[in-house]
Amino acid sequence: MSRSMQIRNATPEDHPALHHLLTQSWMRNWAPHVSAASVERFRIEDPVSAYLSGHLPAMMVAEDAGRVVGMLHLVGKMIASIHVAPDAQGQGVGSKLMDFAESESATVLEVRAFNTRAIRFYEKRGWRGVRHYEGDEFGTALATIEMRLASPVEALPAP
């Protein structure tokens, strides 16, 4: 991450970069955990276009040297979506996006149980799993965890 990285409101000009980022993220992270039929359904339905059309004004992007390297979508206190470009992971982009989300009072998110890297990242920031349930990803059942940001008192170790 360079010093020029900034978090800013998404604009219509970001649509192509966000479409690429979200599609790439889904294919890299979700596709290996769902059925071939679910992957094909994702490709045919192109849910990313509909998602961006409906929510782009509410999204934030992480931009580094003129390139979109991450995105965040908050709905009230819920992190509805957070993604970092694969080649930008481990460079502080996710931390900057989470800093922003937490500064906006985000306290809840959902993560697929297979995404252990993200779960560890959230736990290090004080987030805790509070509910486990079966979610659906284009017809494939996937274990899902609801996480909440622990209050400072909850985050203290037991005596």
Protein backbone atom coordinates (compact mmCIF):
# COMPACT_ATOMS: atom_id res chain seq x y z
CA MET A 1 0.00 0.00 0.00
CA SER A 2 1.36 3.37 -0.93
CA ARG A 3 0.95 6.58 0.98
CA SER A 4 -1.55 7.71 -1.65
CA MET A 5 -4.14 5.09 -0.62
CA GLN A 6 -7.42 6.70 0.31
CA ILE A 7 -10.93 5.64 1.27
CA ARG A 8 -13.54 7.58 -0.69
CA ASN A 9 -17.12 7.37 -1.88
CA ALA A 10 -17.64 5.16 -4.90
CA THR A 11 -18.62 6.95 -8.11
CA PRO A 12 -20.23 5.68 -11.31
CA GLU A 13 -16.76 5.74 -12.88
CA ASP A 14 -15.75 3.01 -10.41
CA HIS A 15 -18.37 0.58 -11.75
CA PRO A 16 -16.03 -1.35 -14.11
CA ALA A 17 -13.26 -1.67 -11.52
CA LEU A 18 -15.71 -2.71 -8.81
CA HIS A 19 -17.36 -5.23 -11.13
CA HIS A 20 -13.96 -6.76 -11.83
CA LEU A 21 -12.95 -6.74 -8.15
CA LEU A 22 -16.18 -8.36 -6.92
CA THR A 23 -16.30 -10.97 -9.70
CA GLN A 24 -12.64 -11.83 -9.16
CA SER A 25 -13.18 -12.08 -5.41
CA TRP A 26 -16.18 -14.38 -5.78
CA MET A 27 -14.46 -16.64 -8.30
CA ARG A 28 -11.32 -16.87 -6.19
CA ASN A 29 -12.91 -17.19 -2.74
CA TRP A 30 -16.41 -18.61 -3.12
CA ALA A 31 -16.29 -20.68 -6.33
CA PRO A 32 -13.99 -23.37 -4.89
CA HIS A 33 -16.55 -23.99 -2.11
CA VAL A 34 -19.75 -24.22 -4.15
CA SER A 35 -21.10 -26.65 -6.73
CA ALA A 36 -20.32 -26.35 -10.43
CA ALA A 37 -24.00 -25.52 -10.94
CA SER A 38 -23.69 -22.61 -8.51
CA VAL A 39 -20.63 -21.28 -10.35
CA GLU A 40 -22.46 -21.53 -13.66
CA ARG A 41 -25.48 -19.76 -12.16
CA PHE A 42 -23.18 -16.96 -10.94
CA ARG A 43 -21.71 -16.58 -14.42
CA ILE A 44 -25.10 -16.54 -16.15
CA GLU A 45 -26.96 -14.29 -13.71
CA ASP A 46 -24.14 -11.76 -13.20
CA PRO A 47 -25.34 -10.74 -9.73
CA VAL A 48 -22.47 -8.27 -9.43
CA SER A 49 -24.04 -5.94 -12.02
CA ALA A 50 -27.36 -5.91 -10.19
CA TYR A 51 -25.61 -5.42 -6.84
CA LEU A 52 -23.61 -2.45 -8.13
CA SER A 53 -26.64 -0.93 -9.86
CA GLY A 54 -28.59 -1.03 -6.62
CA HIS A 55 -25.91 -0.09 -4.11
CA LEU A 56 -23.02 1.78 -5.74
CA PRO A 57 -23.91 5.15 -4.13
CA ALA A 58 -23.64 3.55 -0.67
CA MET A 59 -20.20 2.01 -1.30
CA MET A 60 -16.75 3.18 -0.36
CA VAL A 61 -13.63 2.30 -2.31
CA ALA A 62 -10.01 2.00 -1.32
CA GLU A 63 -7.99 3.62 -4.06
CA ASP A 64 -4.23 3.37 -4.32
CA ALA A 65 -2.30 5.24 -7.00
CA GLY A 66 -5.50 5.68 -9.00
CA ARG A 67 -6.51 2.00 -8.82
CA VAL A 68 -9.46 0.56 -6.89
CA VAL A 69 -7.92 -2.04 -4.55
CA GLY A 70 -10.83 -2.60 -2.17
CA MET A 71 -14.45 -1.84 -1.44
CA LEU A 72 -16.80 -1.56 1.52
CA HIS A 73 -20.59 -1.47 1.67
CA LEU A 74 -22.21 -0.48 4.96
CA VAL A 75 -25.92 -0.82 5.66
CA GLY A 76 -26.59 0.87 8.97
CA LYS A 77 -24.32 -0.88 11.48
CA MET A 78 -23.78 -3.90 9.25
CA ILE A 79 -20.83 -4.48 6.96
CA ALA A 80 -22.77 -5.85 4.00
CA SER A 81 -19.67 -6.39 1.89
CA ILE A 82 -15.93 -5.90 2.11
CA HIS A 83 -13.45 -7.07 -0.52
CA VAL A 84 -9.76 -6.48 -1.21
CA ALA A 85 -8.07 -7.16 -4.55
CA PRO A 86 -6.01 -10.36 -4.31
CA ASP A 87 -2.75 -8.59 -5.17
CA ALA A 88 -3.44 -5.95 -2.49
CA GLN A 89 -4.15 -8.37 0.36
CA GLY A 90 -1.75 -8.19 3.28
CA GLN A 91 -0.90 -4.55 2.50
CA GLY A 92 -3.22 -2.81 4.97
CA VAL A 93 -6.16 -2.19 2.63
CA GLY A 94 -8.56 -4.35 4.65
CA SER A 95 -7.43 -2.66 7.86
CA LYS A 96 -8.10 0.78 6.39
CA LEU A 97 -11.55 -0.30 5.23
CA MET A 98 -12.33 -1.83 8.64
CA ASP A 99 -11.04 1.30 10.41
CA PHE A 100 -13.50 3.30 8.33
CA ALA A 101 -16.37 0.86 8.98
CA GLU A 102 -15.73 0.84 12.72
CA SER A 103 -15.50 4.64 12.78
CA GLU A 104 -18.98 4.63 11.22
CA SER A 105 -20.23 2.41 14.11
CA ALA A 106 -20.27 -0.89 12.22
CA THR A 107 -20.85 -3.68 14.74
CA VAL A 108 -22.05 -6.70 12.72
CA LEU A 109 -20.95 -8.70 9.68
CA GLU A 110 -21.41 -12.13 8.21
CA VAL A 111 -18.61 -14.32 6.89
CA ARG A 112 -18.60 -17.78 5.32
CA ALA A 113 -17.00 -20.32 7.65
CA PHE A 114 -14.55 -21.43 4.92
CA ASN A 115 -13.04 -17.93 4.88
CA THR A 116 -10.68 -18.61 7.76
CA ARG A 117 -8.24 -15.87 6.74
CA ALA A 118 -10.99 -13.24 7.05
CA ILE A 119 -12.24 -14.74 10.33
CA ARG A 120 -8.75 -14.50 11.86
CA PHE A 121 -8.44 -10.92 10.59
CA TYR A 122 -11.77 -9.94 12.17
CA GLU A 123 -10.98 -11.72 15.44
CA LYS A 124 -7.69 -9.85 15.76
CA ARG A 125 -9.71 -6.65 15.51
CA GLY A 126 -12.02 -7.71 18.37
CA TRP A 127 -14.88 -9.24 16.39
CA ARG A 128 -16.48 -12.41 17.80
CA GLY A 129 -18.69 -15.09 16.28
CA VAL A 130 -22.14 -14.92 17.88
CA ARG A 131 -24.25 -17.13 15.61
CA HIS A 132 -23.59 -19.98 13.20
CA TYR A 133 -26.13 -20.86 10.54
CA GLU A 134 -26.47 -22.33 7.07
CA GLY A 135 -26.46 -19.73 4.32
CA ASP A 136 -27.00 -20.12 0.60
CA GLU A 137 -24.67 -19.17 -2.23
CA PHE A 138 -26.41 -19.68 -5.57
CA GLY A 139 -27.99 -22.94 -4.48
CA THR A 140 -25.09 -24.29 -2.42
CA ALA A 141 -25.54 -24.45 1.34
CA LEU A 142 -22.59 -22.89 3.17
CA ALA A 143 -21.86 -22.56 6.87
CA THR A 144 -22.01 -18.89 7.81
CA ILE A 145 -20.94 -17.00 10.93
CA GLU A 146 -22.46 -13.79 12.20
CA MET A 147 -19.78 -11.76 13.94
CA ARG A 148 -20.16 -8.75 16.19
CA LEU A 149 -17.61 -6.23 17.36
CA ALA A 150 -16.98 -6.86 21.02
CA SER A 151 -17.37 -3.91 23.34
CA PRO A 152 -14.18 -2.92 25.17
CA VAL A 153 -15.43 -4.76 28.28
CA GLU A 154 -16.28 -7.93 26.30
CA ALA A 155 -12.86 -7.87 24.66
CA LEU A 156 -11.04 -8.05 28.02
CA PRO A 157 -9.63 -11.48 28.89
CA ALA A 158 -11.38 -13.37 31.68
CA PRO A 159 -9.69 -13.01 35.09
